[in-house]
Amino acid sequence: MSRILCPHCGKALQITTTKQVTPTVRDVYANCNNGICLARPVMTISHKCDRQPPLSQLTGTDGLLEKMLGDLDIKTRERILNKFATE
């Protein structure tokens, strides 16, 4: 599990609420529970890029993904599809 760390003391923050700013940007309101710090930062999380586009973008009208998967043997195809189903 990922953690967001306090920018002041480096301890884990407790997220109290979030606010959607744009479809790809969200403000995260948090509290630092470190008794010496007790900061209340607002962090911004944004979508930077995709390591892989969504499958819906890979399955265009030309059927490229289906053709590529169809050319693979059944075990390789299942391994690839199972990898995406678990991520």
PDB file of N, CA and C in Angstrom:
ATOM      1  N   MET A   1       0.848  -1.179   0.000  1.00  0.00           N
ATOM      2  CA  MET A   1       0.000   0.000   0.000  1.00  0.00           C
ATOM      3  C   MET A   1       0.893   1.242   0.000  1.00  0.00           C
ATOM      4  N   SER A   2       0.502   2.222  -0.766  1.00  0.00           N
ATOM      5  CA  SER A   2       1.262   3.458  -0.859  1.00  0.00           C
ATOM      6  C   SER A   2       0.952   4.369   0.318  1.00  0.00           C
ATOM      7  N   ARG A   3       1.904   5.208   0.626  1.00  0.00           N
ATOM      8  CA  ARG A   3       1.720   6.202   1.676  1.00  0.00           C
ATOM      9  C   ARG A   3       2.085   7.567   1.132  1.00  0.00           C
ATOM     10  N   ILE A   4       1.398   8.566   1.638  1.00  0.00           N
ATOM     11  CA  ILE A   4       1.773   9.941   1.339  1.00  0.00           C
ATOM     12  C   ILE A   4       2.465  10.459   2.581  1.00  0.00           C
ATOM     13  N   LEU A   5       3.656  10.994   2.386  1.00  0.00           N
ATOM     14  CA  LEU A   5       4.474  11.425   3.513  1.00  0.00           C
ATOM     15  C   LEU A   5       4.376  12.919   3.744  1.00  0.00           C
ATOM     16  N   CYS A   6       4.505  13.312   4.985  1.00  0.00           N
ATOM     17  CA  CYS A   6       4.489  14.722   5.359  1.00  0.00           C
ATOM     18  C   CYS A   6       5.693  15.425   4.735  1.00  0.00           C
ATOM     19  N   PRO A   7       5.478  16.549   4.076  1.00  0.00           N
ATOM     20  CA  PRO A   7       6.592  17.260   3.448  1.00  0.00           C
ATOM     21  C   PRO A   7       7.509  17.930   4.476  1.00  0.00           C
ATOM     22  N   HIS A   8       7.088  17.967   5.740  1.00  0.00           N
ATOM     23  CA  HIS A   8       7.867  18.649   6.769  1.00  0.00           C
ATOM     24  C   HIS A   8       8.701  17.681   7.613  1.00  0.00           C
ATOM     25  N   CYS A   9       8.093  16.571   8.024  1.00  0.00           N
ATOM     26  CA  CYS A   9       8.828  15.647   8.903  1.00  0.00           C
ATOM     27  C   CYS A   9       9.056  14.274   8.286  1.00  0.00           C
ATOM     28  N   GLY A  10       8.395  13.968   7.179  1.00  0.00           N
ATOM     29  CA  GLY A  10       8.604  12.705   6.491  1.00  0.00           C
ATOM     30  C   GLY A  10       7.787  11.543   7.023  1.00  0.00           C
ATOM     31  N   LYS A  11       6.941  11.752   8.016  1.00  0.00           N
ATOM     32  CA  LYS A  11       6.092  10.686   8.558  1.00  0.00           C
ATOM     33  C   LYS A  11       4.842  10.525   7.685  1.00  0.00           C
ATOM     34  N   ALA A  12       4.181   9.377   7.811  1.00  0.00           N
ATOM     35  CA  ALA A  12       2.970   9.105   7.029  1.00  0.00           C
ATOM     36  C   ALA A  12       1.859  10.067   7.423  1.00  0.00           C
ATOM     37  N   LEU A  13       1.143  10.549   6.411  1.00  0.00           N
ATOM     38  CA  LEU A  13       0.013  11.442   6.639  1.00  0.00           C
ATOM     39  C   LEU A  13      -1.281  10.639   6.723  1.00  0.00           C
ATOM     40  N   GLN A  14      -2.254  11.182   7.437  1.00  0.00           N
ATOM     41  CA  GLN A  14      -3.597  10.616   7.469  1.00  0.00           C
ATOM     42  C   GLN A  14      -4.471  11.488   6.575  1.00  0.00           C
ATOM     43  N   ILE A  15      -5.017  10.898   5.530  1.00  0.00           N
ATOM     44  CA  ILE A  15      -5.866  11.647   4.602  1.00  0.00           C
ATOM     45  C   ILE A  15      -7.227  11.853   5.262  1.00  0.00           C
ATOM     46  N   THR A  16      -7.674  13.102   5.291  1.00  0.00           N
ATOM     47  CA  THR A  16      -8.961  13.413   5.905  1.00  0.00           C
ATOM     48  C   THR A  16     -10.056  13.580   4.865  1.00  0.00           C
ATOM     49  N   THR A  17      -9.731  14.159   3.732  1.00  0.00           N
ATOM     50  CA  THR A  17     -10.714  14.330   2.664  1.00  0.00           C
ATOM     51  C   THR A  17      -9.986  14.623   1.362  1.00  0.00           C
ATOM     52  N   THR A  18     -10.719  14.522   0.252  1.00  0.00           N
ATOM     53  CA  THR A  18     -10.160  14.876  -1.052  1.00  0.00           C
ATOM     54  C   THR A  18     -11.183  15.699  -1.805  1.00  0.00           C
ATOM     55  N   LYS A  19     -10.692  16.445  -2.787  1.00  0.00           N
ATOM     56  CA  LYS A  19     -11.568  17.281  -3.607  1.00  0.00           C
ATOM     57  C   LYS A  19     -11.117  17.174  -5.061  1.00  0.00           C
ATOM     58  N   GLN A  20     -12.037  16.796  -5.942  1.00  0.00           N
ATOM     59  CA  GLN A  20     -11.730  16.708  -7.369  1.00  0.00           C
ATOM     60  C   GLN A  20     -11.669  18.117  -7.931  1.00  0.00           C
ATOM     61  N   VAL A  21     -10.520  18.496  -8.481  1.00  0.00           N
ATOM     62  CA  VAL A  21     -10.325  19.839  -9.030  1.00  0.00           C
ATOM     63  C   VAL A  21     -10.641  19.858 -10.520  1.00  0.00           C
ATOM     64  N   THR A  22     -10.089  18.900 -11.247  1.00  0.00           N
ATOM     65  CA  THR A  22     -10.367  18.693 -12.670  1.00  0.00           C
ATOM     66  C   THR A  22     -10.486  17.177 -12.861  1.00  0.00           C
ATOM     67  N   PRO A  23     -10.835  16.706 -14.041  1.00  0.00           N
ATOM     68  CA  PRO A  23     -10.918  15.249 -14.232  1.00  0.00           C
ATOM     69  C   PRO A  23      -9.605  14.509 -13.955  1.00  0.00           C
ATOM     70  N   THR A  24      -8.473  15.215 -14.023  1.00  0.00           N
ATOM     71  CA  THR A  24      -7.183  14.544 -13.798  1.00  0.00           C
ATOM     72  C   THR A  24      -6.410  15.085 -12.602  1.00  0.00           C
ATOM     73  N   VAL A  25      -7.012  15.967 -11.814  1.00  0.00           N
ATOM     74  CA  VAL A  25      -6.330  16.560 -10.654  1.00  0.00           C
ATOM     75  C   VAL A  25      -7.227  16.466  -9.426  1.00  0.00           C
ATOM     76  N   ARG A  26      -6.633  16.053  -8.305  1.00  0.00           N
ATOM     77  CA  ARG A  26      -7.368  15.941  -7.047  1.00  0.00           C
ATOM     78  C   ARG A  26      -6.515  16.536  -5.930  1.00  0.00           C
ATOM     79  N   ASP A  27      -7.137  17.376  -5.093  1.00  0.00           N
ATOM     80  CA  ASP A  27      -6.480  17.890  -3.886  1.00  0.00           C
ATOM     81  C   ASP A  27      -6.745  16.918  -2.748  1.00  0.00           C
ATOM     82  N   VAL A  28      -5.708  16.634  -1.980  1.00  0.00           N
ATOM     83  CA  VAL A  28      -5.794  15.712  -0.854  1.00  0.00           C
ATOM     84  C   VAL A  28      -5.486  16.501   0.414  1.00  0.00           C
ATOM     85  N   TYR A  29      -6.439  16.512   1.324  1.00  0.00           N
ATOM     86  CA  TYR A  29      -6.268  17.201   2.606  1.00  0.00           C
ATOM     87  C   TYR A  29      -5.842  16.153   3.632  1.00  0.00           C
ATOM     88  N   ALA A  30      -4.808  16.474   4.405  1.00  0.00           N
ATOM     89  CA  ALA A  30      -4.257  15.464   5.305  1.00  0.00           C
ATOM     90  C   ALA A  30      -3.813  16.086   6.623  1.00  0.00           C
ATOM     91  N   ASN A  31      -3.634  15.202   7.596  1.00  0.00           N
ATOM     92  CA  ASN A  31      -3.098  15.589   8.894  1.00  0.00           C
ATOM     93  C   ASN A  31      -1.857  14.761   9.181  1.00  0.00           C
ATOM     94  N   CYS A  32      -0.850  15.392   9.740  1.00  0.00           N
ATOM     95  CA  CYS A  32       0.333  14.675  10.205  1.00  0.00           C
ATOM     96  C   CYS A  32       0.096  14.332  11.673  1.00  0.00           C
ATOM     97  N   ASN A  33       0.227  13.056  11.997  1.00  0.00           N
ATOM     98  CA  ASN A  33      -0.007  12.611  13.367  1.00  0.00           C
ATOM     99  C   ASN A  33       1.254  12.613  14.217  1.00  0.00           C
ATOM    100  N   ASN A  34       2.366  13.068  13.655  1.00  0.00           N
ATOM    101  CA  ASN A  34       3.604  13.186  14.424  1.00  0.00           C
ATOM    102  C   ASN A  34       3.404  14.319  15.441  1.00  0.00           C
ATOM    103  N   GLY A  35       3.416  13.992  16.720  1.00  0.00           N
ATOM    104  CA  GLY A  35       3.140  14.961  17.778  1.00  0.00           C
ATOM    105  C   GLY A  35       4.061  16.165  17.792  1.00  0.00           C
ATOM    106  N   ILE A  36       5.206  16.061  17.171  1.00  0.00           N
ATOM    107  CA  ILE A  36       6.138  17.185  17.105  1.00  0.00           C
ATOM    108  C   ILE A  36       5.824  18.076  15.904  1.00  0.00           C
ATOM    109  N   CYS A  37       5.196  17.523  14.887  1.00  0.00           N
ATOM    110  CA  CYS A  37       4.932  18.259  13.640  1.00  0.00           C
ATOM    111  C   CYS A  37       3.506  18.814  13.588  1.00  0.00           C
ATOM    112  N   LEU A  38       2.519  17.904  13.541  1.00  0.00           N
ATOM    113  CA  LEU A  38       1.089  18.249  13.473  1.00  0.00           C
ATOM    114  C   LEU A  38       0.704  19.169  12.307  1.00  0.00           C
ATOM    115  N   ALA A  39       1.466  19.079  11.204  1.00  0.00           N
ATOM    116  CA  ALA A  39       1.147  19.876  10.011  1.00  0.00           C
ATOM    117  C   ALA A  39      -0.162  19.385   9.401  1.00  0.00           C
ATOM    118  N   ARG A  40      -0.811  20.251   8.639  1.00  0.00           N
ATOM    119  CA  ARG A  40      -2.054  19.904   7.925  1.00  0.00           C
ATOM    120  C   ARG A  40      -1.900  20.302   6.461  1.00  0.00           C
ATOM    121  N   PRO A  41      -1.091  19.555   5.710  1.00  0.00           N
ATOM    122  CA  PRO A  41      -0.834  19.923   4.320  1.00  0.00           C
ATOM    123  C   PRO A  41      -1.982  19.565   3.378  1.00  0.00           C
ATOM    124  N   VAL A  42      -2.028  20.306   2.289  1.00  0.00           N
ATOM    125  CA  VAL A  42      -2.907  19.987   1.170  1.00  0.00           C
ATOM    126  C   VAL A  42      -1.988  19.592   0.024  1.00  0.00           C
ATOM    127  N   MET A  43      -2.148  18.370  -0.461  1.00  0.00           N
ATOM    128  CA  MET A  43      -1.309  17.857  -1.538  1.00  0.00           C
ATOM    129  C   MET A  43      -2.156  17.802  -2.805  1.00  0.00           C
ATOM    130  N   THR A  44      -1.509  17.851  -3.947  1.00  0.00           N
ATOM    131  CA  THR A  44      -2.203  17.733  -5.223  1.00  0.00           C
ATOM    132  C   THR A  44      -1.706  16.475  -5.923  1.00  0.00           C
ATOM    133  N   ILE A  45      -2.646  15.637  -6.338  1.00  0.00           N
ATOM    134  CA  ILE A  45      -2.324  14.439  -7.098  1.00  0.00           C
ATOM    135  C   ILE A  45      -2.870  14.645  -8.505  1.00  0.00           C
ATOM    136  N   SER A  46      -2.023  14.379  -9.488  1.00  0.00           N
ATOM    137  CA  SER A  46      -2.479  14.552 -10.866  1.00  0.00           C
ATOM    138  C   SER A  46      -2.060  13.366 -11.722  1.00  0.00           C
ATOM    139  N   HIS A  47      -2.794  13.162 -12.781  1.00  0.00           N
ATOM    140  CA  HIS A  47      -2.457  12.130 -13.754  1.00  0.00           C
ATOM    141  C   HIS A  47      -1.327  12.659 -14.617  1.00  0.00           C
ATOM    142  N   LYS A  48      -0.215  11.960 -14.628  1.00  0.00           N
ATOM    143  CA  LYS A  48       0.952  12.395 -15.394  1.00  0.00           C
ATOM    144  C   LYS A  48       0.966  11.753 -16.781  1.00  0.00           C
ATOM    145  N   CYS A  49       0.866  10.444 -16.824  1.00  0.00           N
ATOM    146  CA  CYS A  49       0.887   9.733 -18.097  1.00  0.00           C
ATOM    147  C   CYS A  49       0.434   8.300 -17.851  1.00  0.00           C
ATOM    148  N   ASP A  50       0.302   7.543 -18.908  1.00  0.00           N
ATOM    149  CA  ASP A  50      -0.053   6.131 -18.805  1.00  0.00           C
ATOM    150  C   ASP A  50       1.163   5.284 -19.149  1.00  0.00           C
ATOM    151  N   ARG A  51       1.441   4.293 -18.313  1.00  0.00           N
ATOM    152  CA  ARG A  51       2.449   3.303 -18.687  1.00  0.00           C
ATOM    153  C   ARG A  51       1.882   2.405 -19.771  1.00  0.00           C
ATOM    154  N   GLN A  52       0.586   2.275 -19.776  1.00  0.00           N
ATOM    155  CA  GLN A  52      -0.140   1.549 -20.810  1.00  0.00           C
ATOM    156  C   GLN A  52      -1.485   2.230 -20.951  1.00  0.00           C
ATOM    157  N   PRO A  53      -1.928   2.501 -22.154  1.00  0.00           N
ATOM    158  CA  PRO A  53      -3.264   3.097 -22.302  1.00  0.00           C
ATOM    159  C   PRO A  53      -4.328   2.088 -21.885  1.00  0.00           C
ATOM    160  N   PRO A  54      -5.528   2.571 -21.581  1.00  0.00           N
ATOM    161  CA  PRO A  54      -6.610   1.650 -21.235  1.00  0.00           C
ATOM    162  C   PRO A  54      -6.882   0.671 -22.374  1.00  0.00           C
ATOM    163  N   LEU A  55      -7.295  -0.528 -22.005  1.00  0.00           N
ATOM    164  CA  LEU A  55      -7.586  -1.536 -23.034  1.00  0.00           C
ATOM    165  C   LEU A  55      -8.609  -1.046 -24.037  1.00  0.00           C
ATOM    166  N   SER A  56      -9.543  -0.197 -23.585  1.00  0.00           N
ATOM    167  CA  SER A  56     -10.564   0.314 -24.500  1.00  0.00           C
ATOM    168  C   SER A  56      -9.945   1.120 -25.636  1.00  0.00           C
ATOM    169  N   GLN A  57      -8.772   1.730 -25.404  1.00  0.00           N
ATOM    170  CA  GLN A  57      -8.106   2.484 -26.468  1.00  0.00           C
ATOM    171  C   GLN A  57      -7.289   1.571 -27.374  1.00  0.00           C
ATOM    172  N   LEU A  58      -6.977   0.383 -26.886  1.00  0.00           N
ATOM    173  CA  LEU A  58      -6.211  -0.558 -27.698  1.00  0.00           C
ATOM    174  C   LEU A  58      -7.105  -1.409 -28.591  1.00  0.00           C
ATOM    175  N   THR A  59      -8.389  -1.419 -28.292  1.00  0.00           N
ATOM    176  CA  THR A  59      -9.319  -2.225 -29.084  1.00  0.00           C
ATOM    177  C   THR A  59     -10.117  -1.308 -30.000  1.00  0.00           C
ATOM    178  N   GLY A  60      -9.469  -0.812 -31.004  1.00  0.00           N
ATOM    179  CA  GLY A  60     -10.116   0.086 -31.957  1.00  0.00           C
ATOM    180  C   GLY A  60     -10.977  -0.677 -32.939  1.00  0.00           C
ATOM    181  N   THR A  61     -11.556   0.054 -33.862  1.00  0.00           N
ATOM    182  CA  THR A  61     -12.454  -0.560 -34.843  1.00  0.00           C
ATOM    183  C   THR A  61     -11.711  -1.486 -35.795  1.00  0.00           C
ATOM    184  N   ASP A  62     -10.380  -1.317 -35.892  1.00  0.00           N
ATOM    185  CA  ASP A  62      -9.623  -2.190 -36.790  1.00  0.00           C
ATOM    186  C   ASP A  62      -9.327  -3.547 -36.167  1.00  0.00           C
ATOM    187  N   GLY A  63      -9.628  -3.729 -34.848  1.00  0.00           N
ATOM    188  CA  GLY A  63      -9.429  -5.019 -34.206  1.00  0.00           C
ATOM    189  C   GLY A  63      -7.976  -5.403 -34.037  1.00  0.00           C
ATOM    190  N   LEU A  64      -7.070  -4.416 -33.930  1.00  0.00           N
ATOM    191  CA  LEU A  64      -5.639  -4.703 -33.830  1.00  0.00           C
ATOM    192  C   LEU A  64      -5.315  -5.585 -32.627  1.00  0.00           C
ATOM    193  N   LEU A  65      -5.846  -5.235 -31.457  1.00  0.00           N
ATOM    194  CA  LEU A  65      -5.558  -6.027 -30.263  1.00  0.00           C
ATOM    195  C   LEU A  65      -6.073  -7.454 -30.414  1.00  0.00           C
ATOM    196  N   GLU A  66      -7.291  -7.584 -30.913  1.00  0.00           N
ATOM    197  CA  GLU A  66      -7.844  -8.911 -31.098  1.00  0.00           C
ATOM    198  C   GLU A  66      -6.991  -9.738 -32.057  1.00  0.00           C
ATOM    199  N   LYS A  67      -6.502  -9.098 -33.120  1.00  0.00           N
ATOM    200  CA  LYS A  67      -5.663  -9.820 -34.080  1.00  0.00           C
ATOM    201  C   LYS A  67      -4.358 -10.243 -33.431  1.00  0.00           C
ATOM    202  N   MET A  68      -3.729  -9.321 -32.675  1.00  0.00           N
ATOM    203  CA  MET A  68      -2.454  -9.644 -32.030  1.00  0.00           C
ATOM    204  C   MET A  68      -2.637 -10.785 -31.026  1.00  0.00           C
ATOM    205  N   LEU A  69      -3.692 -10.711 -30.218  1.00  0.00           N
ATOM    206  CA  LEU A  69      -3.935 -11.777 -29.249  1.00  0.00           C
ATOM    207  C   LEU A  69      -4.298 -13.083 -29.950  1.00  0.00           C
ATOM    208  N   GLY A  70      -5.046 -12.968 -31.029  1.00  0.00           N
ATOM    209  CA  GLY A  70      -5.445 -14.159 -31.768  1.00  0.00           C
ATOM    210  C   GLY A  70      -4.275 -14.891 -32.394  1.00  0.00           C
ATOM    211  N   ASP A  71      -3.185 -14.172 -32.670  1.00  0.00           N
ATOM    212  CA  ASP A  71      -2.001 -14.788 -33.264  1.00  0.00           C
ATOM    213  C   ASP A  71      -1.154 -15.541 -32.248  1.00  0.00           C
ATOM    214  N   LEU A  72      -1.441 -15.354 -30.950  1.00  0.00           N
ATOM    215  CA  LEU A  72      -0.651 -16.004 -29.899  1.00  0.00           C
ATOM    216  C   LEU A  72      -1.218 -17.377 -29.574  1.00  0.00           C
ATOM    217  N   ASP A  73      -0.350 -18.243 -29.023  1.00  0.00           N
ATOM    218  CA  ASP A  73      -0.864 -19.526 -28.549  1.00  0.00           C
ATOM    219  C   ASP A  73      -1.707 -19.277 -27.298  1.00  0.00           C
ATOM    220  N   ILE A  74      -2.567 -20.211 -26.967  1.00  0.00           N
ATOM    221  CA  ILE A  74      -3.569 -20.030 -25.920  1.00  0.00           C
ATOM    222  C   ILE A  74      -2.938 -19.739 -24.549  1.00  0.00           C
ATOM    223  N   LYS A  75      -1.834 -20.403 -24.211  1.00  0.00           N
ATOM    224  CA  LYS A  75      -1.204 -20.191 -22.893  1.00  0.00           C
ATOM    225  C   LYS A  75      -0.624 -18.786 -22.789  1.00  0.00           C
ATOM    226  N   THR A  76       0.022 -18.318 -23.833  1.00  0.00           N
ATOM    227  CA  THR A  76       0.588 -16.968 -23.828  1.00  0.00           C
ATOM    228  C   THR A  76      -0.525 -15.932 -23.754  1.00  0.00           C
ATOM    229  N   ARG A  77      -1.598 -16.142 -24.522  1.00  0.00           N
ATOM    230  CA  ARG A  77      -2.733 -15.219 -24.499  1.00  0.00           C
ATOM    231  C   ARG A  77      -3.346 -15.147 -23.096  1.00  0.00           C
ATOM    232  N   GLU A  78      -3.551 -16.285 -22.445  1.00  0.00           N
ATOM    233  CA  GLU A  78      -4.119 -16.303 -21.095  1.00  0.00           C
ATOM    234  C   GLU A  78      -3.193 -15.617 -20.096  1.00  0.00           C
ATOM    235  N   ARG A  79      -1.887 -15.837 -20.228  1.00  0.00           N
ATOM    236  CA  ARG A  79      -0.920 -15.201 -19.324  1.00  0.00           C
ATOM    237  C   ARG A  79      -0.986 -13.680 -19.455  1.00  0.00           C
ATOM    238  N   ILE A  80      -1.060 -13.198 -20.669  1.00  0.00           N
ATOM    239  CA  ILE A  80      -1.123 -11.749 -20.900  1.00  0.00           C
ATOM    240  C   ILE A  80      -2.433 -11.168 -20.354  1.00  0.00           C
ATOM    241  N   LEU A  81      -3.544 -11.796 -20.649  1.00  0.00           N
ATOM    242  CA  LEU A  81      -4.830 -11.296 -20.183  1.00  0.00           C
ATOM    243  C   LEU A  81      -4.938 -11.357 -18.663  1.00  0.00           C
ATOM    244  N   ASN A  82      -4.404 -12.403 -18.046  1.00  0.00           N
ATOM    245  CA  ASN A  82      -4.427 -12.504 -16.578  1.00  0.00           C
ATOM    246  C   ASN A  82      -3.562 -11.435 -15.940  1.00  0.00           C
ATOM    247  N   LYS A  83      -2.467 -11.071 -16.578  1.00  0.00           N
ATOM    248  CA  LYS A  83      -1.603 -10.009 -16.041  1.00  0.00           C
ATOM    249  C   LYS A  83      -2.375  -8.689 -15.968  1.00  0.00           C
ATOM    250  N   PHE A  84      -3.128  -8.354 -16.984  1.00  0.00           N
ATOM    251  CA  PHE A  84      -3.877  -7.098 -16.996  1.00  0.00           C
ATOM    252  C   PHE A  84      -5.070  -7.141 -16.041  1.00  0.00           C
ATOM    253  N   ALA A  85      -5.624  -8.317 -15.831  1.00  0.00           N
ATOM    254  CA  ALA A  85      -6.782  -8.445 -14.944  1.00  0.00           C
ATOM    255  C   ALA A  85      -6.385  -8.248 -13.481  1.00  0.00           C
ATOM    256  N   THR A  86      -5.115  -8.495 -13.138  1.00  0.00           N
ATOM    257  CA  THR A  86      -4.680  -8.385 -11.737  1.00  0.00           C
ATOM    258  C   THR A  86      -4.024  -7.067 -11.422  1.00  0.00           C
ATOM    259  N   GLU A  87      -3.752  -6.238 -12.400  1.00  0.00           N
ATOM    260  CA  GLU A  87      -3.080  -4.946 -12.125  1.00  0.00           C
ATOM    261  C   GLU A  87      -4.073  -3.869 -11.807  1.00  0.00           C
TER     262      GLU A  87
END
